[in-house]
């Protein structure tokens, strides 16, 4: 009886996971490595799925941060516009 290939490989060790997590904490390099692990066909399946999940969560977080920054920026701009004495431009 033949087992599927993903069951023939040993799982990643605790040390491998710790190294992967440390690498992802390095700014820019970590993001690039997540992309590489997510799209590389030679990457172990569990690691690739983890990298995809990390990328999705990071992109959602980035979207929320950008939304908050744009809301705050619009509020500051609107407050600044209210402070201008517009009658002097008539």
PDB file of N, CA and C in Angstrom:
ATOM      1  N   UNK A   1       0.843  -1.179   0.000  1.00  0.00           N
ATOM      2  CA  UNK A   1       0.000   0.000   0.000  1.00  0.00           C
ATOM      3  C   UNK A   1       0.892   1.247   0.000  1.00  0.00           C
ATOM      4  N   UNK A   2       0.669   2.127  -0.955  1.00  0.00           N
ATOM      5  CA  UNK A   2       1.452   3.351  -1.074  1.00  0.00           C
ATOM      6  C   UNK A   2       0.775   4.488  -0.326  1.00  0.00           C
ATOM      7  N   UNK A   3       1.580   5.185   0.464  1.00  0.00           N
ATOM      8  CA  UNK A   3       1.061   6.359   1.169  1.00  0.00           C
ATOM      9  C   UNK A   3       1.284   7.591   0.298  1.00  0.00           C
ATOM     10  N   UNK A   4       0.378   8.586   0.415  1.00  0.00           N
ATOM     11  CA  UNK A   4       0.610   9.831  -0.332  1.00  0.00           C
ATOM     12  C   UNK A   4       1.941  10.457   0.062  1.00  0.00           C
ATOM     13  N   UNK A   5       2.497  11.216  -0.860  1.00  0.00           N
ATOM     14  CA  UNK A   5       3.834  11.785  -0.657  1.00  0.00           C
ATOM     15  C   UNK A   5       3.918  12.689   0.565  1.00  0.00           C
ATOM     16  N   UNK A   6       2.840  13.464   0.848  1.00  0.00           N
ATOM     17  CA  UNK A   6       2.904  14.378   1.987  1.00  0.00           C
ATOM     18  C   UNK A   6       2.996  13.644   3.327  1.00  0.00           C
ATOM     19  N   UNK A   7       2.587  12.352   3.362  1.00  0.00           N
ATOM     20  CA  UNK A   7       2.694  11.573   4.590  1.00  0.00           C
ATOM     21  C   UNK A   7       4.041  10.863   4.706  1.00  0.00           C
ATOM     22  N   UNK A   8       4.806  10.837   3.647  1.00  0.00           N
ATOM     23  CA  UNK A   8       6.103  10.174   3.665  1.00  0.00           C
ATOM     24  C   UNK A   8       7.196  11.089   4.215  1.00  0.00           C
ATOM     25  N   UNK A   9       6.976  12.405   4.172  1.00  0.00           N
ATOM     26  CA  UNK A   9       7.969  13.351   4.680  1.00  0.00           C
ATOM     27  C   UNK A   9       7.770  13.535   6.184  1.00  0.00           C
ATOM     28  N   UNK A  10       8.853  13.692   6.925  1.00  0.00           N
ATOM     29  CA  UNK A  10       8.684  13.969   8.357  1.00  0.00           C
ATOM     30  C   UNK A  10       8.157  15.390   8.556  1.00  0.00           C
ATOM     31  N   UNK A  11       7.380  15.609   9.602  1.00  0.00           N
ATOM     32  CA  UNK A  11       6.875  16.968   9.850  1.00  0.00           C
ATOM     33  C   UNK A  11       8.014  17.902  10.234  1.00  0.00           C
ATOM     34  N   UNK A  12       7.771  19.200  10.085  1.00  0.00           N
ATOM     35  CA  UNK A  12       8.775  20.183  10.488  1.00  0.00           C
ATOM     36  C   UNK A  12       8.970  20.110  11.994  1.00  0.00           C
ATOM     37  N   UNK A  13      10.201  20.222  12.410  1.00  0.00           N
ATOM     38  CA  UNK A  13      10.507  20.151  13.840  1.00  0.00           C
ATOM     39  C   UNK A  13      10.198  21.489  14.509  1.00  0.00           C
ATOM     40  N   UNK A  14      10.207  21.472  15.822  1.00  0.00           N
ATOM     41  CA  UNK A  14       9.986  22.695  16.592  1.00  0.00           C
ATOM     42  C   UNK A  14      11.038  23.745  16.247  1.00  0.00           C
ATOM     43  N   UNK A  15      12.283  23.318  16.110  1.00  0.00           N
ATOM     44  CA  UNK A  15      13.355  24.248  15.748  1.00  0.00           C
ATOM     45  C   UNK A  15      13.127  24.892  14.387  1.00  0.00           C
ATOM     46  N   UNK A  16      12.626  24.097  13.427  1.00  0.00           N
ATOM     47  CA  UNK A  16      12.321  24.647  12.102  1.00  0.00           C
ATOM     48  C   UNK A  16      11.250  25.726  12.200  1.00  0.00           C
ATOM     49  N   UNK A  17      10.220  25.456  13.009  1.00  0.00           N
ATOM     50  CA  UNK A  17       9.140  26.440  13.154  1.00  0.00           C
ATOM     51  C   UNK A  17       9.641  27.710  13.831  1.00  0.00           C
ATOM     52  N   UNK A  18      10.487  27.558  14.845  1.00  0.00           N
ATOM     53  CA  UNK A  18      11.032  28.737  15.536  1.00  0.00           C
ATOM     54  C   UNK A  18      11.854  29.581  14.561  1.00  0.00           C
ATOM     55  N   UNK A  19      12.676  28.940  13.748  1.00  0.00           N
ATOM     56  CA  UNK A  19      13.477  29.668  12.757  1.00  0.00           C
ATOM     57  C   UNK A  19      12.570  30.365  11.745  1.00  0.00           C
ATOM     58  N   UNK A  20      11.523  29.670  11.280  1.00  0.00           N
ATOM     59  CA  UNK A  20      10.591  30.283  10.333  1.00  0.00           C
ATOM     60  C   UNK A  20       9.934  31.524  10.926  1.00  0.00           C
ATOM     61  N   UNK A  21       9.511  31.435  12.166  1.00  0.00           N
ATOM     62  CA  UNK A  21       8.847  32.563  12.808  1.00  0.00           C
ATOM     63  C   UNK A  21       9.819  33.720  13.005  1.00  0.00           C
ATOM     64  N   UNK A  22      11.045  33.426  13.406  1.00  0.00           N
ATOM     65  CA  UNK A  22      12.051  34.483  13.577  1.00  0.00           C
ATOM     66  C   UNK A  22      12.324  35.171  12.243  1.00  0.00           C
ATOM     67  N   UNK A  23      12.424  34.398  11.176  1.00  0.00           N
ATOM     68  CA  UNK A  23      12.666  34.988   9.855  1.00  0.00           C
ATOM     69  C   UNK A  23      11.528  35.919   9.459  1.00  0.00           C
ATOM     70  N   UNK A  24      10.289  35.523   9.760  1.00  0.00           N
ATOM     71  CA  UNK A  24       9.150  36.365   9.359  1.00  0.00           C
ATOM     72  C   UNK A  24       9.076  37.657  10.163  1.00  0.00           C
ATOM     73  N   UNK A  25       9.767  37.739  11.280  1.00  0.00           N
ATOM     74  CA  UNK A  25       9.761  38.961  12.100  1.00  0.00           C
ATOM     75  C   UNK A  25      10.748  40.011  11.590  1.00  0.00           C
ATOM     76  N   UNK A  26      11.620  39.645  10.661  1.00  0.00           N
ATOM     77  CA  UNK A  26      12.580  40.604  10.096  1.00  0.00           C
ATOM     78  C   UNK A  26      11.832  41.464   9.070  1.00  0.00           C
ATOM     79  N   UNK A  27      11.847  42.791   9.247  1.00  0.00           N
ATOM     80  CA  UNK A  27      11.112  43.653   8.319  1.00  0.00           C
ATOM     81  C   UNK A  27      11.543  43.433   6.863  1.00  0.00           C
ATOM     82  N   UNK A  28      10.610  43.440   5.985  1.00  0.00           N
ATOM     83  CA  UNK A  28      10.728  43.274   4.542  1.00  0.00           C
ATOM     84  C   UNK A  28      11.210  41.883   4.148  1.00  0.00           C
ATOM     85  N   UNK A  29      12.288  41.402   4.743  1.00  0.00           N
ATOM     86  CA  UNK A  29      12.788  40.065   4.423  1.00  0.00           C
ATOM     87  C   UNK A  29      11.757  39.011   4.811  1.00  0.00           C
ATOM     88  N   UNK A  30      11.152  39.193   5.966  1.00  0.00           N
ATOM     89  CA  UNK A  30      10.131  38.260   6.414  1.00  0.00           C
ATOM     90  C   UNK A  30       8.942  38.211   5.473  1.00  0.00           C
ATOM     91  N   UNK A  31       8.511  39.376   4.988  1.00  0.00           N
ATOM     92  CA  UNK A  31       7.388  39.435   4.054  1.00  0.00           C
ATOM     93  C   UNK A  31       7.752  38.747   2.737  1.00  0.00           C
ATOM     94  N   UNK A  32       8.954  38.997   2.263  1.00  0.00           N
ATOM     95  CA  UNK A  32       9.412  38.361   1.019  1.00  0.00           C
ATOM     96  C   UNK A  32       9.482  36.844   1.198  1.00  0.00           C
ATOM     97  N   UNK A  33       9.989  36.390   2.342  1.00  0.00           N
ATOM     98  CA  UNK A  33      10.078  34.948   2.588  1.00  0.00           C
ATOM     99  C   UNK A  33       8.698  34.310   2.661  1.00  0.00           C
ATOM    100  N   UNK A  34       7.722  35.003   3.240  1.00  0.00           N
ATOM    101  CA  UNK A  34       6.365  34.467   3.269  1.00  0.00           C
ATOM    102  C   UNK A  34       5.832  34.279   1.852  1.00  0.00           C
ATOM    103  N   UNK A  35       6.111  35.240   0.979  1.00  0.00           N
ATOM    104  CA  UNK A  35       5.669  35.122  -0.412  1.00  0.00           C
ATOM    105  C   UNK A  35       6.362  33.932  -1.082  1.00  0.00           C
ATOM    106  N   UNK A  36       7.672  33.796  -0.852  1.00  0.00           N
ATOM    107  CA  UNK A  36       8.420  32.684  -1.449  1.00  0.00           C
ATOM    108  C   UNK A  36       7.866  31.352  -0.962  1.00  0.00           C
ATOM    109  N   UNK A  37       7.683  31.211   0.350  1.00  0.00           N
ATOM    110  CA  UNK A  37       7.178  29.955   0.898  1.00  0.00           C
ATOM    111  C   UNK A  37       5.752  29.672   0.433  1.00  0.00           C
ATOM    112  N   UNK A  38       4.958  30.712   0.232  1.00  0.00           N
ATOM    113  CA  UNK A  38       3.564  30.515  -0.159  1.00  0.00           C
ATOM    114  C   UNK A  38       3.436  30.041  -1.607  1.00  0.00           C
ATOM    115  N   UNK A  39       4.317  30.492  -2.491  1.00  0.00           N
ATOM    116  CA  UNK A  39       4.168  30.168  -3.913  1.00  0.00           C
ATOM    117  C   UNK A  39       5.122  29.087  -4.406  1.00  0.00           C
ATOM    118  N   UNK A  40       6.147  28.767  -3.634  1.00  0.00           N
ATOM    119  CA  UNK A  40       7.124  27.766  -4.061  1.00  0.00           C
ATOM    120  C   UNK A  40       6.508  26.371  -3.989  1.00  0.00           C
ATOM    121  N   UNK A  41       6.588  25.622  -5.087  1.00  0.00           N
ATOM    122  CA  UNK A  41       6.003  24.286  -5.128  1.00  0.00           C
ATOM    123  C   UNK A  41       6.832  23.261  -4.358  1.00  0.00           C
ATOM    124  N   UNK A  42       8.082  23.587  -4.041  1.00  0.00           N
ATOM    125  CA  UNK A  42       8.934  22.660  -3.294  1.00  0.00           C
ATOM    126  C   UNK A  42       8.811  22.819  -1.782  1.00  0.00           C
ATOM    127  N   UNK A  43       8.089  23.857  -1.345  1.00  0.00           N
ATOM    128  CA  UNK A  43       7.917  24.083   0.089  1.00  0.00           C
ATOM    129  C   UNK A  43       6.954  23.045   0.652  1.00  0.00           C
ATOM    130  N   UNK A  44       7.256  22.564   1.858  1.00  0.00           N
ATOM    131  CA  UNK A  44       6.398  21.588   2.533  1.00  0.00           C
ATOM    132  C   UNK A  44       4.979  22.153   2.633  1.00  0.00           C
ATOM    133  N   UNK A  45       3.971  21.325   2.409  1.00  0.00           N
ATOM    134  CA  UNK A  45       2.586  21.782   2.281  1.00  0.00           C
ATOM    135  C   UNK A  45       2.087  22.537   3.520  1.00  0.00           C
ATOM    136  N   UNK A  46       2.375  22.039   4.704  1.00  0.00           N
ATOM    137  CA  UNK A  46       1.929  22.736   5.919  1.00  0.00           C
ATOM    138  C   UNK A  46       2.582  24.107   6.047  1.00  0.00           C
ATOM    139  N   UNK A  47       3.860  24.184   5.702  1.00  0.00           N
ATOM    140  CA  UNK A  47       4.584  25.458   5.765  1.00  0.00           C
ATOM    141  C   UNK A  47       4.017  26.430   4.735  1.00  0.00           C
ATOM    142  N   UNK A  48       3.689  25.941   3.533  1.00  0.00           N
ATOM    143  CA  UNK A  48       3.121  26.796   2.492  1.00  0.00           C
ATOM    144  C   UNK A  48       1.752  27.319   2.920  1.00  0.00           C
ATOM    145  N   UNK A  49       0.929  26.456   3.506  1.00  0.00           N
ATOM    146  CA  UNK A  49      -0.392  26.896   3.969  1.00  0.00           C
ATOM    147  C   UNK A  49      -0.269  27.906   5.102  1.00  0.00           C
ATOM    148  N   UNK A  50       0.685  27.679   6.010  1.00  0.00           N
ATOM    149  CA  UNK A  50       0.927  28.634   7.085  1.00  0.00           C
ATOM    150  C   UNK A  50       1.367  29.984   6.510  1.00  0.00           C
ATOM    151  N   UNK A  51       2.255  29.959   5.518  1.00  0.00           N
ATOM    152  CA  UNK A  51       2.738  31.202   4.906  1.00  0.00           C
ATOM    153  C   UNK A  51       1.591  31.944   4.228  1.00  0.00           C
ATOM    154  N   UNK A  52       0.695  31.218   3.556  1.00  0.00           N
ATOM    155  CA  UNK A  52      -0.462  31.856   2.920  1.00  0.00           C
ATOM    156  C   UNK A  52      -1.372  32.497   3.961  1.00  0.00           C
ATOM    157  N   UNK A  53      -1.610  31.790   5.065  1.00  0.00           N
ATOM    158  CA  UNK A  53      -2.450  32.338   6.128  1.00  0.00           C
ATOM    159  C   UNK A  53      -1.808  33.579   6.749  1.00  0.00           C
ATOM    160  N   UNK A  54      -0.500  33.547   6.958  1.00  0.00           N
ATOM    161  CA  UNK A  54       0.212  34.714   7.500  1.00  0.00           C
ATOM    162  C   UNK A  54       0.112  35.907   6.545  1.00  0.00           C
ATOM    163  N   UNK A  55       0.287  35.655   5.248  1.00  0.00           N
ATOM    164  CA  UNK A  55       0.186  36.740   4.270  1.00  0.00           C
ATOM    165  C   UNK A  55      -1.211  37.357   4.275  1.00  0.00           C
ATOM    166  N   UNK A  56      -2.225  36.516   4.301  1.00  0.00           N
ATOM    167  CA  UNK A  56      -3.604  37.024   4.315  1.00  0.00           C
ATOM    168  C   UNK A  56      -3.849  37.866   5.560  1.00  0.00           C
ATOM    169  N   UNK A  57      -3.411  37.380   6.728  1.00  0.00           N
ATOM    170  CA  UNK A  57      -3.631  38.141   7.962  1.00  0.00           C
ATOM    171  C   UNK A  57      -2.843  39.449   7.961  1.00  0.00           C
ATOM    172  N   UNK A  58      -1.634  39.430   7.421  1.00  0.00           N
ATOM    173  CA  UNK A  58      -0.842  40.664   7.345  1.00  0.00           C
ATOM    174  C   UNK A  58      -1.480  41.674   6.386  1.00  0.00           C
ATOM    175  N   UNK A  59      -2.019  41.210   5.267  1.00  0.00           N
ATOM    176  CA  UNK A  59      -2.666  42.114   4.317  1.00  0.00           C
ATOM    177  C   UNK A  59      -3.955  42.691   4.885  1.00  0.00           C
ATOM    178  N   UNK A  60      -4.708  41.879   5.629  1.00  0.00           N
ATOM    179  CA  UNK A  60      -5.912  42.398   6.286  1.00  0.00           C
ATOM    180  C   UNK A  60      -5.523  43.456   7.312  1.00  0.00           C
ATOM    181  N   UNK A  61      -4.498  43.179   8.102  1.00  0.00           N
ATOM    182  CA  UNK A  61      -4.019  44.152   9.083  1.00  0.00           C
ATOM    183  C   UNK A  61      -3.551  45.441   8.432  1.00  0.00           C
ATOM    184  N   UNK A  62      -2.828  45.316   7.326  1.00  0.00           N
ATOM    185  CA  UNK A  62      -2.358  46.497   6.597  1.00  0.00           C
ATOM    186  C   UNK A  62      -3.546  47.310   6.081  1.00  0.00           C
ATOM    187  N   UNK A  63      -4.559  46.626   5.577  1.00  0.00           N
ATOM    188  CA  UNK A  63      -5.753  47.319   5.089  1.00  0.00           C
ATOM    189  C   UNK A  63      -6.457  48.077   6.205  1.00  0.00           C
ATOM    190  N   UNK A  64      -6.550  47.459   7.382  1.00  0.00           N
ATOM    191  CA  UNK A  64      -7.194  48.131   8.518  1.00  0.00           C
ATOM    192  C   UNK A  64      -6.380  49.348   8.947  1.00  0.00           C
ATOM    193  N   UNK A  65      -5.063  49.206   9.005  1.00  0.00           N
ATOM    194  CA  UNK A  65      -4.206  50.330   9.387  1.00  0.00           C
ATOM    195  C   UNK A  65      -4.335  51.476   8.384  1.00  0.00           C
ATOM    196  N   UNK A  66      -4.329  51.159   7.093  1.00  0.00           N
ATOM    197  CA  UNK A  66      -4.466  52.213   6.077  1.00  0.00           C
ATOM    198  C   UNK A  66      -5.828  52.900   6.165  1.00  0.00           C
ATOM    199  N   UNK A  67      -6.867  52.133   6.459  1.00  0.00           N
ATOM    200  CA  UNK A  67      -8.198  52.718   6.617  1.00  0.00           C
ATOM    201  C   UNK A  67      -8.228  53.670   7.803  1.00  0.00           C
ATOM    202  N   UNK A  68      -7.648  53.253   8.919  1.00  0.00           N
ATOM    203  CA  UNK A  68      -7.619  54.113  10.108  1.00  0.00           C
ATOM    204  C   UNK A  68      -6.802  55.376   9.845  1.00  0.00           C
ATOM    205  N   UNK A  69      -5.652  55.220   9.191  1.00  0.00           N
ATOM    206  CA  UNK A  69      -4.818  56.392   8.892  1.00  0.00           C
ATOM    207  C   UNK A  69      -5.556  57.355   7.966  1.00  0.00           C
ATOM    208  N   UNK A  70      -6.269  56.832   6.966  1.00  0.00           N
ATOM    209  CA  UNK A  70      -6.998  57.718   6.047  1.00  0.00           C
ATOM    210  C   UNK A  70      -8.154  58.420   6.759  1.00  0.00           C
ATOM    211  N   UNK A  71      -8.823  57.734   7.679  1.00  0.00           N
ATOM    212  CA  UNK A  71      -9.908  58.372   8.437  1.00  0.00           C
ATOM    213  C   UNK A  71      -9.355  59.482   9.314  1.00  0.00           C
ATOM    214  N   UNK A  72      -8.255  59.213  10.003  1.00  0.00           N
ATOM    215  CA  UNK A  72      -7.631  60.239  10.846  1.00  0.00           C
ATOM    216  C   UNK A  72      -7.137  61.397   9.984  1.00  0.00           C
ATOM    217  N   UNK A  73      -6.505  61.085   8.851  1.00  0.00           N
ATOM    218  CA  UNK A  73      -6.022  62.140   7.958  1.00  0.00           C
ATOM    219  C   UNK A  73      -7.155  63.003   7.431  1.00  0.00           C
ATOM    220  N   UNK A  74      -8.281  62.382   7.078  1.00  0.00           N
ATOM    221  CA  UNK A  74      -9.427  63.157   6.607  1.00  0.00           C
ATOM    222  C   UNK A  74      -9.960  64.047   7.719  1.00  0.00           C
ATOM    223  N   UNK A  75      -9.994  63.524   8.953  1.00  0.00           N
ATOM    224  CA  UNK A  75     -10.459  64.318  10.084  1.00  0.00           C
ATOM    225  C   UNK A  75      -9.568  65.517  10.341  1.00  0.00           C
ATOM    226  N   UNK A  76      -8.264  65.308  10.261  1.00  0.00           N
ATOM    227  CA  UNK A  76      -7.319  66.418  10.461  1.00  0.00           C
ATOM    228  C   UNK A  76      -7.489  67.447   9.354  1.00  0.00           C
ATOM    229  N   UNK A  77      -7.627  66.987   8.107  1.00  0.00           N
ATOM    230  CA  UNK A  77      -7.805  67.915   6.988  1.00  0.00           C
ATOM    231  C   UNK A  77      -9.112  68.694   7.137  1.00  0.00           C
ATOM    232  N   UNK A  78     -10.184  68.007   7.528  1.00  0.00           N
ATOM    233  CA  UNK A  78     -11.473  68.682   7.689  1.00  0.00           C
ATOM    234  C   UNK A  78     -11.398  69.712   8.805  1.00  0.00           C
ATOM    235  N   UNK A  79     -10.706  69.384   9.894  1.00  0.00           N
ATOM    236  CA  UNK A  79     -10.557  70.333  10.986  1.00  0.00           C
ATOM    237  C   UNK A  79      -9.732  71.531  10.545  1.00  0.00           C
ATOM    238  N   UNK A  80      -8.678  71.284   9.785  1.00  0.00           N
ATOM    239  CA  UNK A  80      -7.838  72.370   9.286  1.00  0.00           C
ATOM    240  C   UNK A  80      -8.639  73.271   8.348  1.00  0.00           C
ATOM    241  N   UNK A  81      -9.474  72.666   7.502  1.00  0.00           N
ATOM    242  CA  UNK A  81     -10.281  73.449   6.556  1.00  0.00           C
ATOM    243  C   UNK A  81     -11.287  74.315   7.295  1.00  0.00           C
ATOM    244  N   UNK A  82     -11.795  73.849   8.435  1.00  0.00           N
ATOM    245  CA  UNK A  82     -12.737  74.653   9.215  1.00  0.00           C
ATOM    246  C   UNK A  82     -12.064  75.851   9.864  1.00  0.00           C
ATOM    247  N   UNK A  83     -10.777  75.753  10.141  1.00  0.00           N
ATOM    248  CA  UNK A  83     -10.041  76.814  10.811  1.00  0.00           C
ATOM    249  C   UNK A  83      -9.677  77.970   9.865  1.00  0.00           C
ATOM    250  N   UNK A  84      -9.694  77.732   8.579  1.00  0.00           N
ATOM    251  CA  UNK A  84      -9.316  78.759   7.603  1.00  0.00           C
ATOM    252  C   UNK A  84     -10.453  79.781   7.510  1.00  0.00           C
ATOM    253  N   UNK A  85     -10.081  81.019   7.518  1.00  0.00           N
ATOM    254  CA  UNK A  85     -11.065  82.097   7.346  1.00  0.00           C
ATOM    255  C   UNK A  85     -11.317  82.248   5.840  1.00  0.00           C
ATOM    256  N   UNK A  86     -12.364  81.602   5.350  1.00  0.00           N
ATOM    257  CA  UNK A  86     -12.636  81.563   3.934  1.00  0.00           C
ATOM    258  C   UNK A  86     -13.132  82.899   3.388  1.00  0.00           C
ATOM    259  N   UNK A  87     -13.639  83.766   4.248  1.00  0.00           N
ATOM    260  CA  UNK A  87     -14.186  85.040   3.756  1.00  0.00           C
ATOM    261  C   UNK A  87     -13.087  85.933   3.160  1.00  0.00           C
ATOM    262  N   UNK A  88     -11.859  85.730   3.556  1.00  0.00           N
ATOM    263  CA  UNK A  88     -10.775  86.543   3.016  1.00  0.00           C
ATOM    264  C   UNK A  88     -10.478  86.212   1.546  1.00  0.00           C
ATOM    265  N   UNK A  89     -10.996  85.073   1.053  1.00  0.00           N
ATOM    266  CA  UNK A  89     -10.748  84.675  -0.325  1.00  0.00           C
ATOM    267  C   UNK A  89     -11.881  85.076  -1.262  1.00  0.00           C
ATOM    268  N   UNK A  90     -12.904  85.767  -0.741  1.00  0.00           N
ATOM    269  CA  UNK A  90     -14.026  86.207  -1.600  1.00  0.00           C
ATOM    270  C   UNK A  90     -13.679  87.393  -2.430  1.00  0.00           C
TER     271      UNK A  90
END
